[in-house]
Amino acid sequence: REAFLNVPFYSITNLGMQITALGECDSQNSDSLARVDPIQATYERLFFRENALAGAVLINRFQDKMHLSKLIETKTPIGEYRTRLQDPNFDVKEIPVI
């Protein structure tokens, strides 16, 4: 017997934008940071709770969904990567899943 773990998500493509929300995207109970790349027309808002990723909103960044979902599911400590995440060009896949 094993506990079932699932990171809830919703994704839609509308007006030429792919919009995805995953995990807990609650700014009242967590802190967050936004990553914006106006040239590539991408946006990512990451929500943190207790040094771990709790949720994310992605616009035109669907390629990050699976890795962010694993980080949320495992409650991987973000620690040193927190400042690097402010750079929209930083690849979230560089954060190892623990």
N, C-alpha and C. Protein backbone atom coordinates (compact mmCIF):
# COMPACT_ATOMS: atom_id res chain seq x y z
N ARG A 1 0.85 -1.17 0.00
CA ARG A 1 0.00 0.00 0.00
C ARG A 1 0.89 1.23 0.00
N GLU A 2 0.52 2.13 -0.88
CA GLU A 2 1.31 3.34 -1.05
C GLU A 2 0.37 4.54 -1.16
N ALA A 3 0.77 5.64 -0.57
CA ALA A 3 -0.06 6.85 -0.63
C ALA A 3 -0.11 7.37 -2.07
N PHE A 4 -1.27 7.82 -2.49
CA PHE A 4 -1.44 8.40 -3.82
C PHE A 4 -1.12 9.89 -3.75
N LEU A 5 -0.13 10.31 -4.49
CA LEU A 5 0.26 11.72 -4.54
C LEU A 5 -0.06 12.26 -5.92
N ASN A 6 -0.70 13.40 -5.94
CA ASN A 6 -1.07 14.00 -7.21
C ASN A 6 -1.00 15.51 -7.08
N VAL A 7 -0.38 16.16 -8.04
CA VAL A 7 -0.33 17.61 -8.08
C VAL A 7 -1.44 18.05 -9.04
N PRO A 8 -2.47 18.72 -8.52
CA PRO A 8 -3.55 19.14 -9.40
C PRO A 8 -3.08 20.20 -10.40
N PHE A 9 -3.61 20.14 -11.61
CA PHE A 9 -3.27 21.15 -12.60
C PHE A 9 -4.43 21.37 -13.55
N TYR A 10 -4.41 22.50 -14.19
CA TYR A 10 -5.39 22.87 -15.20
C TYR A 10 -4.64 23.57 -16.31
N SER A 11 -4.98 23.24 -17.54
CA SER A 11 -4.31 23.86 -18.67
C SER A 11 -5.32 24.17 -19.77
N ILE A 12 -5.15 25.33 -20.40
CA ILE A 12 -6.03 25.75 -21.49
C ILE A 12 -5.21 26.58 -22.48
N THR A 13 -5.57 26.47 -23.72
CA THR A 13 -4.99 27.33 -24.74
C THR A 13 -6.09 28.26 -25.21
N ASN A 14 -5.83 29.56 -25.10
CA ASN A 14 -6.84 30.54 -25.46
C ASN A 14 -6.14 31.80 -25.99
N LEU A 15 -6.67 32.37 -27.04
CA LEU A 15 -6.13 33.58 -27.65
C LEU A 15 -4.63 33.43 -27.96
N GLY A 16 -4.24 32.22 -28.37
CA GLY A 16 -2.86 31.97 -28.75
C GLY A 16 -1.90 31.81 -27.58
N MET A 17 -2.42 31.74 -26.36
CA MET A 17 -1.56 31.56 -25.18
C MET A 17 -1.91 30.25 -24.49
N GLN A 18 -0.88 29.53 -24.07
CA GLN A 18 -1.09 28.31 -23.31
C GLN A 18 -0.95 28.65 -21.82
N ILE A 19 -2.03 28.50 -21.09
CA ILE A 19 -2.08 28.89 -19.68
C ILE A 19 -2.23 27.64 -18.83
N THR A 20 -1.36 27.49 -17.84
CA THR A 20 -1.37 26.32 -16.97
C THR A 20 -1.23 26.76 -15.52
N ALA A 21 -2.02 26.16 -14.66
CA ALA A 21 -1.89 26.37 -13.21
C ALA A 21 -1.70 25.00 -12.58
N LEU A 22 -0.73 24.89 -11.67
CA LEU A 22 -0.51 23.62 -11.01
C LEU A 22 -0.19 23.83 -9.54
N GLY A 23 -0.59 22.85 -8.74
CA GLY A 23 -0.35 22.94 -7.30
C GLY A 23 -1.24 23.98 -6.64
N GLU A 24 -0.72 24.57 -5.58
CA GLU A 24 -1.46 25.56 -4.81
C GLU A 24 -0.96 26.96 -5.15
N CYS A 25 -1.77 27.70 -5.85
CA CYS A 25 -1.42 29.06 -6.30
C CYS A 25 -2.14 30.08 -5.42
N ASP A 26 -1.75 30.12 -4.17
CA ASP A 26 -2.41 30.96 -3.18
C ASP A 26 -1.42 31.98 -2.65
N SER A 27 -1.53 33.21 -3.09
CA SER A 27 -0.57 34.24 -2.68
C SER A 27 -0.79 34.72 -1.25
N GLN A 28 -1.93 34.43 -0.65
CA GLN A 28 -2.17 34.85 0.73
C GLN A 28 -1.45 33.98 1.74
N ASN A 29 -1.26 32.70 1.42
CA ASN A 29 -0.62 31.78 2.35
C ASN A 29 0.79 31.37 1.93
N SER A 30 1.35 32.05 0.96
CA SER A 30 2.70 31.72 0.49
C SER A 30 3.32 32.97 -0.12
N ASP A 31 4.65 32.93 -0.30
CA ASP A 31 5.28 34.02 -1.02
C ASP A 31 5.53 33.56 -2.45
N SER A 32 5.76 34.49 -3.33
CA SER A 32 5.89 34.14 -4.74
C SER A 32 6.88 35.05 -5.45
N LEU A 33 7.26 34.60 -6.63
CA LEU A 33 8.07 35.45 -7.50
C LEU A 33 7.62 35.22 -8.93
N ALA A 34 7.76 36.25 -9.73
CA ALA A 34 7.35 36.19 -11.14
C ALA A 34 8.57 36.23 -12.04
N ARG A 35 8.51 35.46 -13.11
CA ARG A 35 9.55 35.44 -14.15
C ARG A 35 8.87 35.83 -15.46
N VAL A 36 9.31 36.93 -16.05
CA VAL A 36 8.68 37.45 -17.26
C VAL A 36 9.72 37.60 -18.35
N ASP A 37 9.38 37.14 -19.54
CA ASP A 37 10.22 37.36 -20.71
C ASP A 37 9.33 37.97 -21.79
N PRO A 38 9.31 39.31 -21.89
CA PRO A 38 8.41 39.96 -22.85
C PRO A 38 8.77 39.65 -24.31
N ILE A 39 10.02 39.36 -24.59
CA ILE A 39 10.42 39.06 -25.97
C ILE A 39 9.84 37.72 -26.41
N GLN A 40 9.90 36.71 -25.53
CA GLN A 40 9.36 35.39 -25.84
C GLN A 40 7.87 35.27 -25.48
N ALA A 41 7.31 36.31 -24.89
CA ALA A 41 5.91 36.33 -24.45
C ALA A 41 5.61 35.19 -23.48
N THR A 42 6.49 35.06 -22.45
CA THR A 42 6.27 34.03 -21.44
C THR A 42 6.17 34.67 -20.05
N TYR A 43 5.45 33.97 -19.17
CA TYR A 43 5.26 34.42 -17.80
C TYR A 43 5.21 33.19 -16.92
N GLU A 44 5.82 33.29 -15.77
CA GLU A 44 5.80 32.20 -14.81
C GLU A 44 5.73 32.83 -13.41
N ARG A 45 4.77 32.42 -12.62
CA ARG A 45 4.71 32.86 -11.23
C ARG A 45 4.80 31.62 -10.37
N LEU A 46 5.80 31.61 -9.49
CA LEU A 46 6.07 30.47 -8.65
C LEU A 46 5.68 30.79 -7.21
N PHE A 47 4.98 29.88 -6.56
CA PHE A 47 4.50 30.06 -5.20
C PHE A 47 5.28 29.13 -4.27
N PHE A 48 5.79 29.67 -3.17
CA PHE A 48 6.63 28.92 -2.24
C PHE A 48 5.99 28.84 -0.87
N ARG A 49 6.22 27.70 -0.21
CA ARG A 49 5.81 27.53 1.17
C ARG A 49 6.90 26.71 1.87
N GLU A 50 7.46 27.29 2.93
CA GLU A 50 8.49 26.62 3.73
C GLU A 50 9.66 26.13 2.86
N ASN A 51 10.21 27.02 2.05
CA ASN A 51 11.39 26.76 1.22
C ASN A 51 11.17 25.69 0.15
N ALA A 52 9.93 25.39 -0.16
CA ALA A 52 9.62 24.43 -1.22
C ALA A 52 8.60 25.06 -2.17
N LEU A 53 8.60 24.60 -3.39
CA LEU A 53 7.64 25.07 -4.37
C LEU A 53 6.27 24.47 -4.05
N ALA A 54 5.23 25.31 -4.00
CA ALA A 54 3.88 24.84 -3.69
C ALA A 54 2.97 24.90 -4.91
N GLY A 55 3.26 25.80 -5.86
CA GLY A 55 2.42 25.93 -7.03
C GLY A 55 3.05 26.83 -8.07
N ALA A 56 2.43 26.89 -9.25
CA ALA A 56 2.95 27.72 -10.34
C ALA A 56 1.85 28.06 -11.32
N VAL A 57 1.94 29.24 -11.89
CA VAL A 57 1.10 29.65 -13.02
C VAL A 57 2.05 29.89 -14.18
N LEU A 58 1.76 29.24 -15.30
CA LEU A 58 2.63 29.32 -16.48
C LEU A 58 1.85 29.84 -17.67
N ILE A 59 2.42 30.78 -18.37
CA ILE A 59 1.86 31.23 -19.64
C ILE A 59 2.95 31.04 -20.69
N ASN A 60 2.65 30.21 -21.67
CA ASN A 60 3.58 29.85 -22.74
C ASN A 60 4.87 29.25 -22.20
N ARG A 61 4.81 28.53 -21.08
CA ARG A 61 5.97 27.84 -20.49
C ARG A 61 5.59 26.40 -20.15
N PHE A 62 4.76 25.78 -20.97
CA PHE A 62 4.27 24.44 -20.68
C PHE A 62 5.41 23.42 -20.56
N GLN A 63 6.54 23.68 -21.20
CA GLN A 63 7.67 22.76 -21.15
C GLN A 63 8.21 22.60 -19.72
N ASP A 64 7.91 23.54 -18.83
CA ASP A 64 8.37 23.46 -17.44
C ASP A 64 7.41 22.68 -16.54
N LYS A 65 6.20 22.38 -17.03
CA LYS A 65 5.15 21.80 -16.20
C LYS A 65 5.55 20.50 -15.51
N MET A 66 6.09 19.55 -16.22
CA MET A 66 6.39 18.24 -15.64
C MET A 66 7.45 18.35 -14.52
N HIS A 67 8.49 19.12 -14.77
CA HIS A 67 9.55 19.23 -13.77
C HIS A 67 9.05 20.00 -12.54
N LEU A 68 8.33 21.09 -12.77
CA LEU A 68 7.77 21.84 -11.64
C LEU A 68 6.80 20.97 -10.84
N SER A 69 6.05 20.14 -11.52
CA SER A 69 5.11 19.25 -10.85
C SER A 69 5.85 18.26 -9.94
N LYS A 70 6.98 17.73 -10.40
CA LYS A 70 7.79 16.81 -9.58
C LYS A 70 8.39 17.54 -8.38
N LEU A 71 8.83 18.79 -8.58
CA LEU A 71 9.37 19.57 -7.46
C LEU A 71 8.31 19.82 -6.40
N ILE A 72 7.08 20.09 -6.85
CA ILE A 72 5.98 20.32 -5.92
C ILE A 72 5.63 19.02 -5.19
N GLU A 73 5.49 17.95 -5.94
CA GLU A 73 5.09 16.65 -5.37
C GLU A 73 6.07 16.17 -4.30
N THR A 74 7.37 16.34 -4.54
CA THR A 74 8.39 15.84 -3.61
C THR A 74 8.76 16.85 -2.54
N LYS A 75 8.20 18.06 -2.64
CA LYS A 75 8.53 19.14 -1.70
C LYS A 75 10.05 19.36 -1.62
N THR A 76 10.68 19.32 -2.79
CA THR A 76 12.12 19.52 -2.90
C THR A 76 12.49 20.90 -2.38
N PRO A 77 13.46 21.00 -1.47
CA PRO A 77 13.90 22.32 -0.99
C PRO A 77 14.51 23.12 -2.15
N ILE A 78 14.08 24.37 -2.28
CA ILE A 78 14.56 25.22 -3.38
C ILE A 78 15.87 25.90 -3.00
N GLY A 79 16.00 26.33 -1.75
CA GLY A 79 17.22 26.90 -1.20
C GLY A 79 18.00 27.82 -2.12
N GLU A 80 19.18 27.37 -2.52
CA GLU A 80 20.11 28.18 -3.31
C GLU A 80 19.57 28.58 -4.68
N TYR A 81 18.56 27.88 -5.17
CA TYR A 81 18.02 28.18 -6.50
C TYR A 81 17.04 29.34 -6.49
N ARG A 82 16.62 29.76 -5.31
CA ARG A 82 15.60 30.81 -5.19
C ARG A 82 16.01 32.09 -5.92
N THR A 83 17.24 32.56 -5.74
CA THR A 83 17.67 33.79 -6.42
C THR A 83 17.87 33.56 -7.92
N ARG A 84 18.31 32.36 -8.29
CA ARG A 84 18.50 32.07 -9.72
C ARG A 84 17.17 32.01 -10.46
N LEU A 85 16.10 31.66 -9.75
CA LEU A 85 14.78 31.58 -10.37
C LEU A 85 14.25 32.94 -10.81
N GLN A 86 14.82 34.01 -10.30
CA GLN A 86 14.37 35.34 -10.71
C GLN A 86 14.74 35.64 -12.16
N ASP A 87 15.71 34.92 -12.70
CA ASP A 87 16.14 35.09 -14.09
C ASP A 87 15.21 34.27 -14.99
N PRO A 88 14.49 34.90 -15.91
CA PRO A 88 13.57 34.16 -16.77
C PRO A 88 14.28 33.17 -17.70
N ASN A 89 15.59 33.33 -17.86
CA ASN A 89 16.34 32.42 -18.72
C ASN A 89 16.88 31.21 -17.96
N PHE A 90 16.76 31.19 -16.64
CA PHE A 90 17.21 30.04 -15.85
C PHE A 90 16.30 28.86 -16.13
N ASP A 91 16.89 27.71 -16.44
CA ASP A 91 16.13 26.51 -16.74
C ASP A 91 15.79 25.79 -15.43
N VAL A 92 14.51 25.67 -15.11
CA VAL A 92 14.09 25.04 -13.86
C VAL A 92 14.50 23.58 -13.79
N LYS A 93 14.79 22.98 -14.92
CA LYS A 93 15.22 21.58 -14.94
C LYS A 93 16.60 21.39 -14.32
N GLU A 94 17.31 22.48 -14.06
CA GLU A 94 18.59 22.40 -13.37
C GLU A 94 18.43 22.13 -11.87
N ILE A 95 17.23 22.28 -11.35
CA ILE A 95 16.97 22.00 -9.94
C ILE A 95 16.72 20.50 -9.80
N PRO A 96 17.57 19.79 -9.08
CA PRO A 96 17.38 18.34 -8.94
C PRO A 96 16.19 18.01 -8.06
N VAL A 97 15.42 17.01 -8.49
CA VAL A 97 14.28 16.54 -7.70
C VAL A 97 14.81 15.61 -6.62
N ILE A 98 14.43 15.89 -5.38
CA ILE A 98 14.88 15.05 -4.25
C ILE A 98 13.75 14.20 -3.75
